Amino acid sequence: MKELLNLRQMITPRLLTPIYWASTVYILVYGVIILSNYPSRLGFEKLVGALVFIVPALIVLRITCEIILILFNINDNLQKIADKN
């Protein structure tokens, strides 16, 4: 608890996984809303429109989460190096 209060222990890496999955579900639900709300004559157009939103959004979300985790891993490794010296 002392490390947490002194900001030596990070809580963001533990929170990032649930945030990632909640965001993934949100993106997929929003994609389904796109499919059902916007009228078009061809169902294929709506499917393409939803996929144009869903696929890049999921990729950007994943890359963002990975970059954040990489930064925390770098911090952990630097902390280990500092503790050795």
N, C-alpha and C. Protein backbone atom coordinates (compact mmCIF):
# COMPACT_ATOMS: atom_id res chain seq x y z
N MET A 1 0.82 -1.19 0.00
CA MET A 1 0.00 0.00 0.00
C MET A 1 0.86 1.26 0.00
N LYS A 2 1.98 1.18 0.69
CA LYS A 2 2.87 2.34 0.76
C LYS A 2 3.43 2.68 -0.62
N GLU A 3 3.78 1.63 -1.39
CA GLU A 3 4.30 1.87 -2.74
C GLU A 3 3.24 2.50 -3.63
N LEU A 4 1.99 2.10 -3.44
CA LEU A 4 0.91 2.67 -4.24
C LEU A 4 0.69 4.14 -3.91
N LEU A 5 0.75 4.48 -2.64
CA LEU A 5 0.55 5.87 -2.22
C LEU A 5 1.72 6.77 -2.61
N ASN A 6 2.93 6.20 -2.67
CA ASN A 6 4.10 6.96 -3.07
C ASN A 6 4.31 6.96 -4.59
N LEU A 7 3.36 6.40 -5.30
CA LEU A 7 3.40 6.32 -6.77
C LEU A 7 4.58 5.51 -7.29
N ARG A 8 5.03 4.55 -6.52
CA ARG A 8 6.09 3.65 -6.98
C ARG A 8 5.49 2.47 -7.74
N GLN A 9 4.26 2.13 -7.42
CA GLN A 9 3.58 1.03 -8.09
C GLN A 9 2.51 1.62 -9.00
N MET A 10 2.47 1.16 -10.23
CA MET A 10 1.54 1.70 -11.22
C MET A 10 0.27 0.85 -11.27
N ILE A 11 -0.88 1.52 -11.33
CA ILE A 11 -2.14 0.78 -11.43
C ILE A 11 -2.69 0.76 -12.85
N THR A 12 -2.19 1.63 -13.70
CA THR A 12 -2.69 1.71 -15.07
C THR A 12 -2.52 0.41 -15.85
N PRO A 13 -1.38 -0.29 -15.74
CA PRO A 13 -1.28 -1.55 -16.49
C PRO A 13 -2.36 -2.57 -16.09
N ARG A 14 -2.76 -2.57 -14.83
CA ARG A 14 -3.81 -3.49 -14.39
C ARG A 14 -5.18 -3.04 -14.89
N LEU A 15 -5.36 -1.75 -15.02
CA LEU A 15 -6.65 -1.23 -15.48
C LEU A 15 -6.78 -1.27 -17.00
N LEU A 16 -5.67 -1.37 -17.69
CA LEU A 16 -5.69 -1.26 -19.15
C LEU A 16 -6.40 -2.43 -19.82
N THR A 17 -6.26 -3.63 -19.30
CA THR A 17 -6.92 -4.78 -19.92
C THR A 17 -8.45 -4.67 -19.87
N PRO A 18 -9.05 -4.37 -18.70
CA PRO A 18 -10.51 -4.20 -18.72
C PRO A 18 -10.97 -3.02 -19.58
N ILE A 19 -10.18 -1.97 -19.60
CA ILE A 19 -10.53 -0.82 -20.45
C ILE A 19 -10.47 -1.21 -21.93
N TYR A 20 -9.47 -2.02 -22.29
CA TYR A 20 -9.33 -2.48 -23.68
C TYR A 20 -10.55 -3.30 -24.09
N TRP A 21 -10.95 -4.26 -23.23
CA TRP A 21 -12.07 -5.12 -23.59
C TRP A 21 -13.38 -4.35 -23.60
N ALA A 22 -13.57 -3.42 -22.68
CA ALA A 22 -14.79 -2.61 -22.67
C ALA A 22 -14.85 -1.74 -23.93
N SER A 23 -13.72 -1.20 -24.33
CA SER A 23 -13.67 -0.38 -25.54
C SER A 23 -13.94 -1.22 -26.79
N THR A 24 -13.42 -2.45 -26.80
CA THR A 24 -13.67 -3.35 -27.92
C THR A 24 -15.16 -3.65 -28.06
N VAL A 25 -15.80 -3.94 -26.94
CA VAL A 25 -17.25 -4.20 -26.96
C VAL A 25 -17.99 -2.96 -27.43
N TYR A 26 -17.58 -1.79 -26.94
CA TYR A 26 -18.23 -0.53 -27.35
C TYR A 26 -18.10 -0.33 -28.86
N ILE A 27 -16.93 -0.56 -29.41
CA ILE A 27 -16.73 -0.39 -30.85
C ILE A 27 -17.60 -1.35 -31.64
N LEU A 28 -17.66 -2.61 -31.19
CA LEU A 28 -18.49 -3.60 -31.90
C LEU A 28 -19.97 -3.25 -31.82
N VAL A 29 -20.43 -2.81 -30.66
CA VAL A 29 -21.84 -2.41 -30.52
C VAL A 29 -22.13 -1.21 -31.40
N TYR A 30 -21.22 -0.25 -31.42
CA TYR A 30 -21.42 0.92 -32.27
C TYR A 30 -21.46 0.52 -33.75
N GLY A 31 -20.66 -0.46 -34.13
CA GLY A 31 -20.69 -0.96 -35.50
C GLY A 31 -22.02 -1.59 -35.84
N VAL A 32 -22.60 -2.32 -34.90
CA VAL A 32 -23.93 -2.90 -35.12
C VAL A 32 -24.98 -1.79 -35.23
N ILE A 33 -24.82 -0.73 -34.44
CA ILE A 33 -25.75 0.40 -34.53
C ILE A 33 -25.64 1.06 -35.90
N ILE A 34 -24.44 1.16 -36.41
CA ILE A 34 -24.25 1.71 -37.77
C ILE A 34 -25.00 0.84 -38.77
N LEU A 35 -24.90 -0.47 -38.60
CA LEU A 35 -25.58 -1.38 -39.52
C LEU A 35 -27.10 -1.22 -39.47
N SER A 36 -27.63 -0.97 -38.29
CA SER A 36 -29.09 -0.97 -38.16
C SER A 36 -29.73 0.40 -38.36
N ASN A 37 -29.01 1.49 -38.15
CA ASN A 37 -29.64 2.81 -38.18
C ASN A 37 -29.61 3.53 -39.51
N TYR A 38 -28.57 3.36 -40.27
CA TYR A 38 -28.44 4.15 -41.49
C TYR A 38 -29.10 3.43 -42.66
N PRO A 39 -30.10 4.08 -43.26
CA PRO A 39 -30.80 3.42 -44.37
C PRO A 39 -29.96 3.44 -45.65
N SER A 40 -30.05 2.36 -46.36
CA SER A 40 -29.44 2.31 -47.70
C SER A 40 -30.21 1.29 -48.51
N ARG A 41 -30.11 1.41 -49.78
CA ARG A 41 -30.85 0.49 -50.64
C ARG A 41 -30.22 -0.89 -50.65
N LEU A 42 -28.93 -0.93 -50.51
CA LEU A 42 -28.23 -2.21 -50.53
C LEU A 42 -27.66 -2.51 -49.15
N GLY A 43 -27.91 -3.68 -48.66
CA GLY A 43 -27.37 -4.08 -47.36
C GLY A 43 -25.86 -4.17 -47.38
N PHE A 44 -25.31 -4.43 -48.56
CA PHE A 44 -23.85 -4.55 -48.68
C PHE A 44 -23.17 -3.23 -48.36
N GLU A 45 -23.78 -2.12 -48.73
CA GLU A 45 -23.19 -0.80 -48.45
C GLU A 45 -23.10 -0.55 -46.95
N LYS A 46 -24.14 -0.95 -46.22
CA LYS A 46 -24.12 -0.78 -44.77
C LYS A 46 -23.05 -1.67 -44.14
N LEU A 47 -22.92 -2.88 -44.66
CA LEU A 47 -21.91 -3.79 -44.13
C LEU A 47 -20.50 -3.24 -44.35
N VAL A 48 -20.25 -2.73 -45.54
CA VAL A 48 -18.95 -2.13 -45.83
C VAL A 48 -18.72 -0.90 -44.96
N GLY A 49 -19.74 -0.08 -44.79
CA GLY A 49 -19.62 1.11 -43.95
C GLY A 49 -19.30 0.76 -42.51
N ALA A 50 -19.94 -0.27 -41.98
CA ALA A 50 -19.67 -0.71 -40.61
C ALA A 50 -18.26 -1.27 -40.49
N LEU A 51 -17.84 -2.05 -41.48
CA LEU A 51 -16.49 -2.63 -41.43
C LEU A 51 -15.42 -1.56 -41.58
N VAL A 52 -15.71 -0.52 -42.37
CA VAL A 52 -14.76 0.58 -42.52
C VAL A 52 -14.56 1.30 -41.19
N PHE A 53 -15.58 1.30 -40.35
CA PHE A 53 -15.44 1.88 -39.02
C PHE A 53 -14.81 0.89 -38.04
N ILE A 54 -15.31 -0.34 -37.99
CA ILE A 54 -14.92 -1.30 -36.96
C ILE A 54 -13.46 -1.70 -37.06
N VAL A 55 -13.02 -2.11 -38.22
CA VAL A 55 -11.67 -2.66 -38.37
C VAL A 55 -10.59 -1.63 -38.01
N PRO A 56 -10.60 -0.43 -38.59
CA PRO A 56 -9.57 0.54 -38.19
C PRO A 56 -9.67 0.95 -36.72
N ALA A 57 -10.89 1.06 -36.20
CA ALA A 57 -11.04 1.44 -34.79
C ALA A 57 -10.44 0.40 -33.87
N LEU A 58 -10.66 -0.88 -34.17
CA LEU A 58 -10.07 -1.95 -33.35
C LEU A 58 -8.55 -1.97 -33.46
N ILE A 59 -8.04 -1.71 -34.64
CA ILE A 59 -6.59 -1.70 -34.83
C ILE A 59 -5.96 -0.53 -34.07
N VAL A 60 -6.56 0.65 -34.18
CA VAL A 60 -6.04 1.82 -33.47
C VAL A 60 -6.11 1.61 -31.96
N LEU A 61 -7.20 1.04 -31.48
CA LEU A 61 -7.34 0.75 -30.05
C LEU A 61 -6.25 -0.20 -29.58
N ARG A 62 -6.01 -1.25 -30.33
CA ARG A 62 -4.99 -2.24 -29.95
C ARG A 62 -3.60 -1.61 -29.94
N ILE A 63 -3.27 -0.86 -30.96
CA ILE A 63 -1.95 -0.23 -31.04
C ILE A 63 -1.76 0.76 -29.89
N THR A 64 -2.80 1.53 -29.58
CA THR A 64 -2.71 2.49 -28.49
C THR A 64 -2.46 1.79 -27.16
N CYS A 65 -3.21 0.73 -26.90
CA CYS A 65 -3.02 -0.01 -25.65
C CYS A 65 -1.63 -0.64 -25.58
N GLU A 66 -1.15 -1.18 -26.68
CA GLU A 66 0.19 -1.78 -26.70
C GLU A 66 1.27 -0.74 -26.44
N ILE A 67 1.13 0.45 -27.03
CA ILE A 67 2.12 1.50 -26.80
C ILE A 67 2.14 1.90 -25.33
N ILE A 68 0.97 2.03 -24.74
CA ILE A 68 0.92 2.38 -23.31
C ILE A 68 1.60 1.30 -22.47
N LEU A 69 1.33 0.03 -22.77
CA LEU A 69 1.96 -1.06 -22.02
C LEU A 69 3.47 -1.09 -22.24
N ILE A 70 3.91 -0.80 -23.45
CA ILE A 70 5.35 -0.76 -23.72
C ILE A 70 6.01 0.32 -22.87
N LEU A 71 5.38 1.47 -22.76
CA LEU A 71 5.95 2.54 -21.93
C LEU A 71 6.05 2.12 -20.47
N PHE A 72 5.06 1.42 -19.97
CA PHE A 72 5.12 0.94 -18.59
C PHE A 72 6.17 -0.16 -18.43
N ASN A 73 6.34 -1.01 -19.44
CA ASN A 73 7.40 -2.02 -19.38
C ASN A 73 8.78 -1.39 -19.39
N ILE A 74 8.94 -0.35 -20.17
CA ILE A 74 10.22 0.37 -20.17
C ILE A 74 10.48 0.97 -18.79
N ASN A 75 9.44 1.54 -18.19
CA ASN A 75 9.58 2.10 -16.85
C ASN A 75 9.97 1.01 -15.84
N ASP A 76 9.35 -0.16 -15.93
CA ASP A 76 9.69 -1.26 -15.02
C ASP A 76 11.14 -1.69 -15.19
N ASN A 77 11.58 -1.81 -16.44
CA ASN A 77 12.96 -2.20 -16.69
C ASN A 77 13.95 -1.15 -16.20
N LEU A 78 13.64 0.12 -16.39
CA LEU A 78 14.52 1.17 -15.89
C LEU A 78 14.56 1.18 -14.36
N GLN A 79 13.43 0.88 -13.73
CA GLN A 79 13.38 0.79 -12.29
C GLN A 79 14.24 -0.36 -11.77
N LYS A 80 14.23 -1.49 -12.47
CA LYS A 80 15.07 -2.64 -12.09
C LYS A 80 16.55 -2.26 -12.21
N ILE A 81 16.90 -1.56 -13.28
CA ILE A 81 18.29 -1.14 -13.47
C ILE A 81 18.70 -0.18 -12.36
N ALA A 82 17.82 0.74 -12.02
CA ALA A 82 18.12 1.71 -10.96
C ALA A 82 18.24 1.03 -9.61
N ASP A 83 17.45 0.01 -9.36
CA ASP A 83 17.52 -0.71 -8.09
C ASP A 83 18.83 -1.51 -7.95
N LYS A 84 19.38 -1.97 -9.09
CA LYS A 84 20.63 -2.72 -9.04
C LYS A 84 21.81 -1.82 -8.67
N ASN A 85 21.74 -0.58 -9.10
CA ASN A 85 22.86 0.34 -8.87
C ASN A 85 22.69 1.02 -7.57
